[in-house]
PDB file of N, CA and C in Angstrom:
ATOM      1  N   MET A   1      65.536-101.604  -1.430  1.00  0.00           N
ATOM      2  CA  MET A   1      66.436-102.349  -0.675  1.00  0.00           C
ATOM      3  C   MET A   1      67.480-102.857  -1.785  1.00  0.00           C
ATOM      4  N   ALA A   2      68.731-102.693  -1.468  1.00  0.00           N
ATOM      5  CA  ALA A   2      69.734-103.082  -2.409  1.00  0.00           C
ATOM      6  C   ALA A   2      70.285-104.441  -1.952  1.00  0.00           C
ATOM      7  N   LEU A   3      70.476-105.261  -3.005  1.00  0.00           N
ATOM      8  CA  LEU A   3      70.853-106.639  -2.732  1.00  0.00           C
ATOM      9  C   LEU A   3      72.443-106.562  -2.578  1.00  0.00           C
ATOM     10  N   PRO A   4      73.045-107.536  -1.641  1.00  0.00           N
ATOM     11  CA  PRO A   4      74.378-107.594  -1.569  1.00  0.00           C
ATOM     12  C   PRO A   4      74.922-108.141  -2.751  1.00  0.00           C
ATOM     13  N   PRO A   5      76.360-107.731  -3.038  1.00  0.00           N
ATOM     14  CA  PRO A   5      77.085-108.054  -4.194  1.00  0.00           C
ATOM     15  C   PRO A   5      77.055-109.698  -4.409  1.00  0.00           C
ATOM     16  N   LEU A   6      76.949-110.127  -5.598  1.00  0.00           N
ATOM     17  CA  LEU A   6      77.074-111.259  -6.008  1.00  0.00           C
ATOM     18  C   LEU A   6      78.679-111.791  -5.674  1.00  0.00           C
ATOM     19  N   ARG A   7      78.739-112.900  -5.101  1.00  0.00           N
ATOM     20  CA  ARG A   7      80.100-113.422  -4.932  1.00  0.00           C
ATOM     21  C   ARG A   7      80.342-114.530  -5.810  1.00  0.00           C
ATOM     22  N   VAL A   8      81.201-114.037  -6.847  1.00  0.00           N
ATOM     23  CA  VAL A   8      81.464-115.092  -7.897  1.00  0.00           C
ATOM     24  C   VAL A   8      82.770-115.868  -7.429  1.00  0.00           C
ATOM     25  N   VAL A   9      82.811-117.227  -7.905  1.00  0.00           N
ATOM     26  CA  VAL A   9      83.992-117.989  -7.582  1.00  0.00           C
ATOM     27  C   VAL A   9      84.737-117.705  -8.798  1.00  0.00           C
ATOM     28  N   PRO A  10      86.041-117.376  -8.698  1.00  0.00           N
ATOM     29  CA  PRO A  10      86.881-117.033  -9.749  1.00  0.00           C
ATOM     30  C   PRO A  10      87.193-118.362 -10.775  1.00  0.00           C
ATOM     31  N   ALA A  11      87.322-118.122 -11.821  1.00  0.00           N
ATOM     32  CA  ALA A  11      87.813-119.103 -12.827  1.00  0.00           C
ATOM     33  C   ALA A  11      89.444-119.031 -12.868  1.00  0.00           C
ATOM     34  N   ILE A  12      89.930-120.215 -12.625  1.00  0.00           N
ATOM     35  CA  ILE A  12      91.430-120.403 -12.658  1.00  0.00           C
ATOM     36  C   ILE A  12      91.716-121.488 -13.633  1.00  0.00           C
ATOM     37  N   PRO A  13      92.555-121.135 -14.562  1.00  0.00           N
ATOM     38  CA  PRO A  13      93.091-122.210 -15.587  1.00  0.00           C
ATOM     39  C   PRO A  13      93.626-123.304 -15.043  1.00  0.00           C
ATOM     40  N   GLY A  14      93.182-124.494 -15.262  1.00  0.00           N
ATOM     41  CA  GLY A  14      93.630-125.647 -14.732  1.00  0.00           C
ATOM     42  C   GLY A  14      92.900-126.350 -13.473  1.00  0.00           C
ATOM     43  N   TRP A  15      91.954-125.354 -13.115  1.00  0.00           N
ATOM     44  CA  TRP A  15      91.331-125.697 -11.867  1.00  0.00           C
ATOM     45  C   TRP A  15      89.769-125.611 -12.004  1.00  0.00           C
ATOM     46  N   ILE A  16      89.212-126.444 -11.361  1.00  0.00           N
ATOM     47  CA  ILE A  16      87.539-126.236 -11.032  1.00  0.00           C
ATOM     48  C   ILE A  16      87.224-125.703  -9.731  1.00  0.00           C
ATOM     49  N   THR A  17      86.576-124.534  -9.647  1.00  0.00           N
ATOM     50  CA  THR A  17      86.390-123.991  -8.453  1.00  0.00           C
ATOM     51  C   THR A  17      84.924-123.824  -8.053  1.00  0.00           C
ATOM     52  N   ARG A  18      84.793-123.913  -6.756  1.00  0.00           N
ATOM     53  CA  ARG A  18      83.365-123.942  -6.143  1.00  0.00           C
ATOM     54  C   ARG A  18      83.410-123.354  -4.800  1.00  0.00           C
ATOM     55  N   ARG A  19      82.288-122.968  -4.305  1.00  0.00           N
ATOM     56  CA  ARG A  19      82.126-122.446  -2.878  1.00  0.00           C
ATOM     57  C   ARG A  19      81.652-123.479  -2.094  1.00  0.00           C
ATOM     58  N   ASP A  20      82.279-123.738  -0.870  1.00  0.00           N
ATOM     59  CA  ASP A  20      81.649-124.715   0.119  1.00  0.00           C
ATOM     60  C   ASP A  20      81.017-123.816   1.051  1.00  0.00           C
ATOM     61  N   HIS A  21      79.676-123.846   0.999  1.00  0.00           N
ATOM     62  CA  HIS A  21      78.795-123.073   1.788  1.00  0.00           C
ATOM     63  C   HIS A  21      78.886-123.458   3.189  1.00  0.00           C
ATOM     64  N   VAL A  22      79.118-124.634   3.494  1.00  0.00           N
ATOM     65  CA  VAL A  22      79.104-125.323   4.785  1.00  0.00           C
ATOM     66  C   VAL A  22      80.189-124.682   5.719  1.00  0.00           C
ATOM     67  N   ALA A  23      81.595-124.879   5.091  1.00  0.00           N
ATOM     68  CA  ALA A  23      82.780-124.332   5.597  1.00  0.00           C
ATOM     69  C   ALA A  23      82.992-122.989   5.410  1.00  0.00           C
ATOM     70  N   GLY A  24      82.323-122.269   4.443  1.00  0.00           N
ATOM     71  CA  GLY A  24      82.333-120.967   4.223  1.00  0.00           C
ATOM     72  C   GLY A  24      83.726-120.672   3.551  1.00  0.00           C
ATOM     73  N   GLU A  25      84.177-121.516   2.698  1.00  0.00           N
ATOM     74  CA  GLU A  25      85.490-121.428   2.030  1.00  0.00           C
ATOM     75  C   GLU A  25      85.161-121.531   0.444  1.00  0.00           C
ATOM     76  N   LEU A  26      86.262-121.109  -0.226  1.00  0.00           N
ATOM     77  CA  LEU A  26      86.364-121.373  -1.783  1.00  0.00           C
ATOM     78  C   LEU A  26      87.208-122.694  -1.906  1.00  0.00           C
ATOM     79  N   VAL A  27      86.840-123.653  -2.879  1.00  0.00           N
ATOM     80  CA  VAL A  27      87.688-124.732  -3.006  1.00  0.00           C
ATOM     81  C   VAL A  27      87.990-124.771  -4.611  1.00  0.00           C
ATOM     82  N   ALA A  28      89.205-125.234  -4.750  1.00  0.00           N
ATOM     83  CA  ALA A  28      89.525-125.446  -6.156  1.00  0.00           C
ATOM     84  C   ALA A  28      90.324-126.791  -6.240  1.00  0.00           C
ATOM     85  N   THR A  29      89.747-127.564  -7.278  1.00  0.00           N
ATOM     86  CA  THR A  29      90.328-128.876  -7.485  1.00  0.00           C
ATOM     87  C   THR A  29      91.071-128.963  -8.872  1.00  0.00           C
ATOM     88  N   ARG A  30      92.116-129.478  -8.878  1.00  0.00           N
ATOM     89  CA  ARG A  30      92.796-129.681 -10.184  1.00  0.00           C
ATOM     90  C   ARG A  30      92.031-130.523 -11.315  1.00  0.00           C
ATOM     91  N   ILE A  31      92.203-130.017 -12.659  1.00  0.00           N
ATOM     92  CA  ILE A  31      91.602-130.701 -13.576  1.00  0.00           C
ATOM     93  C   ILE A  31      92.273-132.095 -13.929  1.00  0.00           C
ATOM     94  N   THR A  32      93.656-131.995 -13.927  1.00  0.00           N
ATOM     95  CA  THR A  32      94.439-133.176 -14.266  1.00  0.00           C
ATOM     96  C   THR A  32      94.898-133.735 -12.983  1.00  0.00           C
ATOM     97  N   ASN A  33      95.281-135.024 -13.102  1.00  0.00           N
ATOM     98  CA  ASN A  33      95.783-135.899 -11.936  1.00  0.00           C
ATOM     99  C   ASN A  33      97.262-135.436 -11.741  1.00  0.00           C
ATOM    100  N   LEU A  34      97.698-135.630 -10.479  1.00  0.00           N
ATOM    101  CA  LEU A  34      99.261-135.434 -10.246  1.00  0.00           C
ATOM    102  C   LEU A  34      99.724-136.863 -10.173  1.00  0.00           C
ATOM    103  N   THR A  35     101.070-136.734 -10.556  1.00  0.00           N
ATOM    104  CA  THR A  35     101.851-137.984 -10.687  1.00  0.00           C
ATOM    105  C   THR A  35     102.271-138.176  -9.007  1.00  0.00           C
ATOM    106  N   PRO A  36     102.673-139.476  -8.756  1.00  0.00           N
ATOM    107  CA  PRO A  36     103.186-139.700  -7.214  1.00  0.00           C
ATOM    108  C   PRO A  36     104.254-138.748  -6.740  1.00  0.00           C
ATOM    109  N   TYR A  37     105.110-138.833  -7.901  1.00  0.00           N
ATOM    110  CA  TYR A  37     106.228-137.651  -7.600  1.00  0.00           C
ATOM    111  C   TYR A  37     105.943-136.388  -7.257  1.00  0.00           C
ATOM    112  N   GLN A  38     104.910-135.829  -7.973  1.00  0.00           N
ATOM    113  CA  GLN A  38     104.364-134.511  -7.737  1.00  0.00           C
ATOM    114  C   GLN A  38     103.848-134.298  -6.283  1.00  0.00           C
ATOM    115  N   VAL A  39     103.076-135.318  -5.978  1.00  0.00           N
ATOM    116  CA  VAL A  39     102.357-135.355  -4.639  1.00  0.00           C
ATOM    117  C   VAL A  39     103.499-135.751  -3.546  1.00  0.00           C
ATOM    118  N   GLU A  40     104.574-136.407  -3.836  1.00  0.00           N
ATOM    119  CA  GLU A  40     105.459-136.543  -2.933  1.00  0.00           C
ATOM    120  C   GLU A  40     106.281-135.271  -2.510  1.00  0.00           C
ATOM    121  N   HIS A  41     106.323-134.430  -3.646  1.00  0.00           N
ATOM    122  CA  HIS A  41     107.074-133.206  -3.305  1.00  0.00           C
ATOM    123  C   HIS A  41     106.318-131.831  -3.176  1.00  0.00           C
ATOM    124  N   GLY A  42     105.192-132.021  -2.589  1.00  0.00           N
ATOM    125  CA  GLY A  42     104.238-131.070  -2.238  1.00  0.00           C
ATOM    126  C   GLY A  42     103.284-130.359  -3.117  1.00  0.00           C
ATOM    127  N   CYS A  43     102.838-131.136  -4.046  1.00  0.00           N
ATOM    128  CA  CYS A  43     101.922-130.687  -5.004  1.00  0.00           C
ATOM    129  C   CYS A  43     100.438-131.085  -4.573  1.00  0.00           C
ATOM    130  N   LYS A  44      99.385-130.303  -4.512  1.00  0.00           N
ATOM    131  CA  LYS A  44      98.056-130.721  -3.967  1.00  0.00           C
ATOM    132  C   LYS A  44      97.151-130.691  -4.939  1.00  0.00           C
ATOM    133  N   SER A  45      96.187-131.487  -4.849  1.00  0.00           N
ATOM    134  CA  SER A  45      94.981-131.659  -5.818  1.00  0.00           C
ATOM    135  C   SER A  45      93.777-130.777  -5.450  1.00  0.00           C
ATOM    136  N   GLU A  46      93.816-130.503  -4.215  1.00  0.00           N
ATOM    137  CA  GLU A  46      92.660-129.487  -3.856  1.00  0.00           C
ATOM    138  C   GLU A  46      93.202-128.422  -2.861  1.00  0.00           C
ATOM    139  N   ILE A  47      92.716-127.110  -3.136  1.00  0.00           N
ATOM    140  CA  ILE A  47      93.193-126.012  -2.458  1.00  0.00           C
ATOM    141  C   ILE A  47      91.842-125.353  -1.896  1.00  0.00           C
ATOM    142  N   ARG A  48      92.005-124.930  -0.488  1.00  0.00           N
ATOM    143  CA  ARG A  48      90.834-124.310   0.078  1.00  0.00           C
ATOM    144  C   ARG A  48      91.371-122.967   0.527  1.00  0.00           C
ATOM    145  N   ALA A  49      90.475-121.946   0.461  1.00  0.00           N
ATOM    146  CA  ALA A  49      90.868-120.564   0.802  1.00  0.00           C
ATOM    147  C   ALA A  49      89.706-119.758   1.303  1.00  0.00           C
ATOM    148  N   VAL A  50      89.929-118.668   2.123  1.00  0.00           N
ATOM    149  CA  VAL A  50      88.826-117.979   2.521  1.00  0.00           C
ATOM    150  C   VAL A  50      88.414-116.789   1.809  1.00  0.00           C
ATOM    151  N   ASP A  51      89.164-116.513   0.635  1.00  0.00           N
ATOM    152  CA  ASP A  51      88.770-115.407  -0.221  1.00  0.00           C
ATOM    153  C   ASP A  51      89.211-115.663  -1.707  1.00  0.00           C
ATOM    154  N   GLN A  52      88.587-114.936  -2.633  1.00  0.00           N
ATOM    155  CA  GLN A  52      89.113-115.135  -4.053  1.00  0.00           C
ATOM    156  C   GLN A  52      90.757-114.822  -4.092  1.00  0.00           C
ATOM    157  N   GLN A  53      91.151-113.839  -3.637  1.00  0.00           N
ATOM    158  CA  GLN A  53      92.657-113.628  -3.909  1.00  0.00           C
ATOM    159  C   GLN A  53      93.589-114.554  -3.486  1.00  0.00           C
ATOM    160  N   GLU A  54      93.083-115.024  -2.006  1.00  0.00           N
ATOM    161  CA  GLU A  54      94.029-116.207  -1.711  1.00  0.00           C
ATOM    162  C   GLU A  54      93.889-117.417  -2.517  1.00  0.00           C
ATOM    163  N   LEU A  55      92.861-117.781  -3.095  1.00  0.00           N
ATOM    164  CA  LEU A  55      92.383-118.868  -3.929  1.00  0.00           C
ATOM    165  C   LEU A  55      93.486-118.735  -5.050  1.00  0.00           C
ATOM    166  N   VAL A  56      93.388-117.551  -5.805  1.00  0.00           N
ATOM    167  CA  VAL A  56      94.115-117.440  -7.053  1.00  0.00           C
ATOM    168  C   VAL A  56      95.658-117.427  -6.655  1.00  0.00           C
ATOM    169  N   TRP A  57      95.989-116.883  -5.619  1.00  0.00           N
ATOM    170  CA  TRP A  57      97.580-117.097  -5.357  1.00  0.00           C
ATOM    171  C   TRP A  57      97.896-118.445  -5.139  1.00  0.00           C
ATOM    172  N   LEU A  58      97.093-119.169  -4.249  1.00  0.00           N
ATOM    173  CA  LEU A  58      97.595-120.500  -3.916  1.00  0.00           C
ATOM    174  C   LEU A  58      97.517-121.456  -5.289  1.00  0.00           C
ATOM    175  N   CYS A  59      96.398-121.310  -6.064  1.00  0.00           N
ATOM    176  CA  CYS A  59      96.410-122.216  -7.354  1.00  0.00           C
ATOM    177  C   CYS A  59      97.564-121.830  -8.155  1.00  0.00           C
ATOM    178  N   THR A  60      97.842-120.479  -8.365  1.00  0.00           N
ATOM    179  CA  THR A  60      98.913-120.259  -9.129  1.00  0.00           C
ATOM    180  C   THR A  60     100.255-120.674  -8.640  1.00  0.00           C
ATOM    181  N   GLY A  61     100.450-120.574  -7.286  1.00  0.00           N
ATOM    182  CA  GLY A  61     101.647-121.345  -6.752  1.00  0.00           C
ATOM    183  C   GLY A  61     101.684-122.898  -7.031  1.00  0.00           C
ATOM    184  N   GLN A  62     100.576-123.312  -6.790  1.00  0.00           N
ATOM    185  CA  GLN A  62     100.715-124.897  -6.917  1.00  0.00           C
ATOM    186  C   GLN A  62     100.833-125.217  -8.387  1.00  0.00           C
ATOM    187  N   SER A  63     100.156-124.425  -9.393  1.00  0.00           N
ATOM    188  CA  SER A  63     100.534-124.663 -10.746  1.00  0.00           C
ATOM    189  C   SER A  63     101.915-124.691 -11.242  1.00  0.00           C
ATOM    190  N   VAL A  64     102.619-123.732 -10.616  1.00  0.00           N
ATOM    191  CA  VAL A  64     104.050-123.366 -11.080  1.00  0.00           C
ATOM    192  C   VAL A  64     104.869-124.532 -10.411  1.00  0.00           C
ATOM    193  N   LEU A  65     104.459-124.805  -9.109  1.00  0.00           N
ATOM    194  CA  LEU A  65     105.228-125.983  -8.369  1.00  0.00           C
ATOM    195  C   LEU A  65     105.024-127.254  -9.184  1.00  0.00           C
ATOM    196  N   ALA A  66     103.955-127.553  -9.573  1.00  0.00           N
ATOM    197  CA  ALA A  66     103.671-128.939 -10.492  1.00  0.00           C
ATOM    198  C   ALA A  66     104.494-128.882 -11.701  1.00  0.00           C
ATOM    199  N   GLU A  67     104.702-127.814 -12.281  1.00  0.00           N
ATOM    200  CA  GLU A  67     105.376-127.751 -13.419  1.00  0.00           C
ATOM    201  C   GLU A  67     106.901-127.999 -13.207  1.00  0.00           C
ATOM    202  N   LEU A  68     107.332-127.225 -12.225  1.00  0.00           N
ATOM    203  CA  LEU A  68     108.791-127.382 -11.655  1.00  0.00           C
ATOM    204  C   LEU A  68     109.010-128.724 -11.360  1.00  0.00           C
ATOM    205  N   VAL A  69     108.250-129.397 -10.692  1.00  0.00           N
ATOM    206  CA  VAL A  69     108.329-130.809 -10.187  1.00  0.00           C
ATOM    207  C   VAL A  69     108.473-131.755 -11.337  1.00  0.00           C
ATOM    208  N   VAL A  70     107.639-131.493 -12.353  1.00  0.00           N
ATOM    209  CA  VAL A  70     107.811-132.473 -13.645  1.00  0.00           C
ATOM    210  C   VAL A  70     109.070-132.107 -14.070  1.00  0.00           C
ATOM    211  N   THR A  71     109.613-130.931 -14.269  1.00  0.00           N
ATOM    212  CA  THR A  71     110.992-130.675 -14.795  1.00  0.00           C
ATOM    213  C   THR A  71     112.054-131.521 -14.155  1.00  0.00           C
ATOM    214  N   ALA A  72     111.950-131.391 -12.620  1.00  0.00           N
ATOM    215  CA  ALA A  72     112.821-132.178 -11.708  1.00  0.00           C
ATOM    216  C   ALA A  72     112.785-133.638 -11.871  1.00  0.00           C
ATOM    217  N   SER A  73     111.553-134.206 -12.193  1.00  0.00           N
ATOM    218  CA  SER A  73     111.368-135.632 -12.352  1.00  0.00           C
ATOM    219  C   SER A  73     112.229-136.029 -13.745  1.00  0.00           C
ATOM    220  N   LEU A  74     111.978-135.239 -14.621  1.00  0.00           N
ATOM    221  CA  LEU A  74     112.656-135.531 -15.952  1.00  0.00           C
ATOM    222  C   LEU A  74     114.127-135.395 -15.824  1.00  0.00           C
ATOM    223  N   GLU A  75     114.533-134.396 -15.007  1.00  0.00           N
ATOM    224  CA  GLU A  75     115.947-134.289 -14.786  1.00  0.00           C
ATOM    225  C   GLU A  75     116.512-135.661 -14.198  1.00  0.00           C
ATOM    226  N   ARG A  76     115.837-135.962 -13.108  1.00  0.00           N
ATOM    227  CA  ARG A  76     116.143-137.154 -12.420  1.00  0.00           C
ATOM    228  C   ARG A  76     116.203-138.395 -13.269  1.00  0.00           C
ATOM    229  N   GLN A  77     115.441-138.564 -14.235  1.00  0.00           N
ATOM    230  CA  GLN A  77     115.265-139.619 -15.258  1.00  0.00           C
ATOM    231  C   GLN A  77     116.293-139.460 -16.507  1.00  0.00           C
ATOM    232  N   GLY A  78     117.009-138.237 -16.367  1.00  0.00           N
ATOM    233  CA  GLY A  78     117.949-138.038 -17.421  1.00  0.00           C
ATOM    234  C   GLY A  78     117.412-137.689 -18.872  1.00  0.00           C
ATOM    235  N   ARG A  79     116.184-136.856 -18.772  1.00  0.00           N
ATOM    236  CA  ARG A  79     115.615-136.613 -20.039  1.00  0.00           C
ATOM    237  C   ARG A  79     115.209-135.066 -19.617  1.00  0.00           C
ATOM    238  N   ALA A  80     115.906-134.257 -19.285  1.00  0.00           N
ATOM    239  CA  ALA A  80     115.699-132.785 -19.173  1.00  0.00           C
ATOM    240  C   ALA A  80     115.225-132.159 -20.286  1.00  0.00           C
ATOM    241  N   VAL A  81     114.144-131.232 -20.132  1.00  0.00           N
ATOM    242  CA  VAL A  81     113.500-130.393 -21.034  1.00  0.00           C
ATOM    243  C   VAL A  81     114.356-129.313 -21.408  1.00  0.00           C
ATOM    244  N   PRO A  82     114.931-129.006 -22.825  1.00  0.00           N
ATOM    245  CA  PRO A  82     115.769-127.868 -23.030  1.00  0.00           C
ATOM    246  C   PRO A  82     115.158-126.627 -22.595  1.00  0.00           C
ATOM    247  N   ALA A  83     115.964-125.561 -22.274  1.00  0.00           N
ATOM    248  CA  ALA A  83     115.595-124.509 -22.047  1.00  0.00           C
ATOM    249  C   ALA A  83     114.926-123.757 -23.257  1.00  0.00           C
ATOM    250  N   GLU A  84     114.055-122.762 -23.275  1.00  0.00           N
ATOM    251  CA  GLU A  84     113.483-122.186 -24.408  1.00  0.00           C
ATOM    252  C   GLU A  84     114.497-121.612 -25.432  1.00  0.00           C
ATOM    253  N   ASP A  85     115.548-121.054 -24.783  1.00  0.00           N
ATOM    254  CA  ASP A  85     116.641-120.461 -25.694  1.00  0.00           C
ATOM    255  C   ASP A  85     117.520-121.362 -26.171  1.00  0.00           C
ATOM    256  N   GLU A  86     117.597-122.710 -25.766  1.00  0.00           N
ATOM    257  CA  GLU A  86     118.447-123.749 -26.260  1.00  0.00           C
ATOM    258  C   GLU A  86     117.763-124.427 -27.601  1.00  0.00           C
ATOM    259  N   ALA A  87     118.729-124.661 -28.437  1.00  0.00           N
ATOM    260  CA  ALA A  87     118.285-125.575 -29.673  1.00  0.00           C
ATOM    261  C   ALA A  87     118.067-126.938 -29.313  1.00  0.00           C
ATOM    262  N   PRO A  88     117.189-127.655 -29.819  1.00  0.00           N
ATOM    263  CA  PRO A  88     117.001-129.042 -29.378  1.00  0.00           C
ATOM    264  C   PRO A  88     117.951-129.920 -29.866  1.00  0.00           C
TER     265      PRO A  88
END
């Protein structure tokens, strides 16, 4: 009798992932805390998904959003981060 394939929770940089067996979902929680400004602008500290691919896409999107919101916050404060191709 063949065993069913092992369902591995993906490793995603910046996130701790686990399976919620009760809800039947994958859950990812950020390793770092969000600022109030990031939360106010849509960043989430926890993501729930029904499969691995959805979890990876959502976490990746949230990671990019968090970085952009930090840049927006710095812009607002007048301390913009120079673009990579600009000299400091």
